[in-house]
Amino acid sequence: MDSMLPLALQKIQNEYVLFGVTGFVCLTAFVGLILVPAVGSYGRIWEKAVAGLLSIFVLAALIVIGVVLGLVVVLKYNTLLDFVHRF
């Protein structure tokens, strides 16, 4: 079965597939829960364009918050682990 797959697909590990699926789910949630209602709330073309642009800023802010929280967890992992083990 492995010989039938292209070489590029044989090297994909489970983590990358998981990250890809998670990214797709998050992007789909963003489009469905933030972008579509924001654009649908306005009637004029320029209003829809501005709502879409502002929604992209919201997406950027969510990404920055996620990266910062991830860095805090990675950099302070031992401190957080000691804090959790106290309880």
Protein backbone atom coordinates (compact mmCIF):
# COMPACT_ATOMS: atom_id res chain seq x y z
CA MET A 1 0.00 0.00 0.00
CA ASP A 2 2.87 2.39 0.79
CA SER A 3 4.35 2.01 -2.68
CA MET A 4 1.12 3.29 -4.21
CA LEU A 5 1.25 6.63 -2.39
CA PRO A 6 3.32 9.49 -3.78
CA LEU A 7 6.56 10.14 -1.90
CA ALA A 8 5.28 13.46 -0.52
CA LEU A 9 2.27 11.80 1.09
CA GLN A 10 4.34 9.04 2.68
CA LYS A 11 6.27 11.54 4.80
CA ILE A 12 3.26 13.34 6.32
CA GLN A 13 3.06 12.59 10.01
CA ASN A 14 -0.09 12.50 12.09
CA GLU A 15 0.63 15.82 13.79
CA TYR A 16 0.63 17.70 10.50
CA VAL A 17 -2.66 16.16 9.47
CA LEU A 18 -4.13 17.07 12.85
CA PHE A 19 -2.84 20.65 12.60
CA GLY A 20 -4.22 20.96 9.08
CA VAL A 21 -7.66 19.69 10.05
CA THR A 22 -7.71 21.94 13.13
CA GLY A 23 -6.72 24.96 11.06
CA PHE A 24 -9.46 24.20 8.55
CA VAL A 25 -12.07 23.84 11.31
CA CYS A 26 -10.97 27.15 12.89
CA LEU A 27 -11.04 28.96 9.55
CA THR A 28 -14.47 27.53 8.79
CA ALA A 29 -15.72 28.66 12.21
CA PHE A 30 -14.31 32.15 11.62
CA VAL A 31 -16.02 32.42 8.24
CA GLY A 32 -19.32 31.05 9.52
CA LEU A 33 -19.48 32.86 12.85
CA ILE A 34 -17.74 36.19 12.17
CA LEU A 35 -17.26 36.98 8.48
CA VAL A 36 -20.62 35.94 7.02
CA PRO A 37 -22.77 37.73 9.63
CA ALA A 38 -20.60 40.86 9.43
CA VAL A 39 -20.79 41.06 5.64
CA GLY A 40 -24.46 40.08 5.57
CA SER A 41 -25.42 42.92 7.91
CA TYR A 42 -24.78 45.60 5.33
CA GLY A 43 -26.36 46.37 1.97
CA ARG A 44 -23.90 48.52 0.09
CA ILE A 45 -20.81 47.05 -1.53
CA TRP A 46 -18.36 49.37 0.22
CA GLU A 47 -19.95 48.62 3.59
CA LYS A 48 -19.57 44.89 2.96
CA ALA A 49 -15.93 45.40 1.96
CA VAL A 50 -15.19 47.39 5.12
CA ALA A 51 -16.96 44.78 7.27
CA GLY A 52 -14.85 42.07 5.64
CA LEU A 53 -11.67 44.07 6.24
CA LEU A 54 -12.54 44.62 9.88
CA SER A 55 -13.29 40.92 10.23
CA ILE A 56 -9.77 40.20 8.96
CA PHE A 57 -8.46 42.45 11.75
CA VAL A 58 -10.48 40.38 14.24
CA LEU A 59 -8.92 37.22 12.81
CA ALA A 60 -5.44 38.74 13.15
CA ALA A 61 -6.15 39.68 16.77
CA LEU A 62 -7.35 36.15 17.54
CA ILE A 63 -4.21 34.69 15.97
CA VAL A 64 -1.96 37.03 17.98
CA ILE A 65 -3.76 36.14 21.21
CA GLY A 66 -3.37 32.43 20.46
CA VAL A 67 0.33 32.77 19.68
CA VAL A 68 0.98 34.79 22.85
CA LEU A 69 -0.88 32.31 25.03
CA GLY A 70 0.96 29.43 23.38
CA LEU A 71 4.32 31.10 24.00
CA VAL A 72 3.43 31.72 27.63
CA VAL A 73 2.57 28.05 28.09
CA VAL A 74 5.77 26.91 26.37
CA LEU A 75 8.06 29.33 28.19
CA LYS A 76 6.47 28.96 31.63
CA TYR A 77 5.63 25.26 31.42
CA ASN A 78 7.59 24.23 34.51
CA THR A 79 6.10 27.03 36.60
CA LEU A 80 2.59 26.13 35.45
CA LEU A 81 3.22 22.46 36.15
CA ASP A 82 4.40 23.23 39.71
CA PHE A 83 1.32 25.40 40.23
CA VAL A 84 -1.03 22.65 39.06
CA HIS A 85 0.63 20.01 41.23
CA ARG A 86 0.06 22.10 44.36
CA PHE A 87 -3.65 21.36 44.19
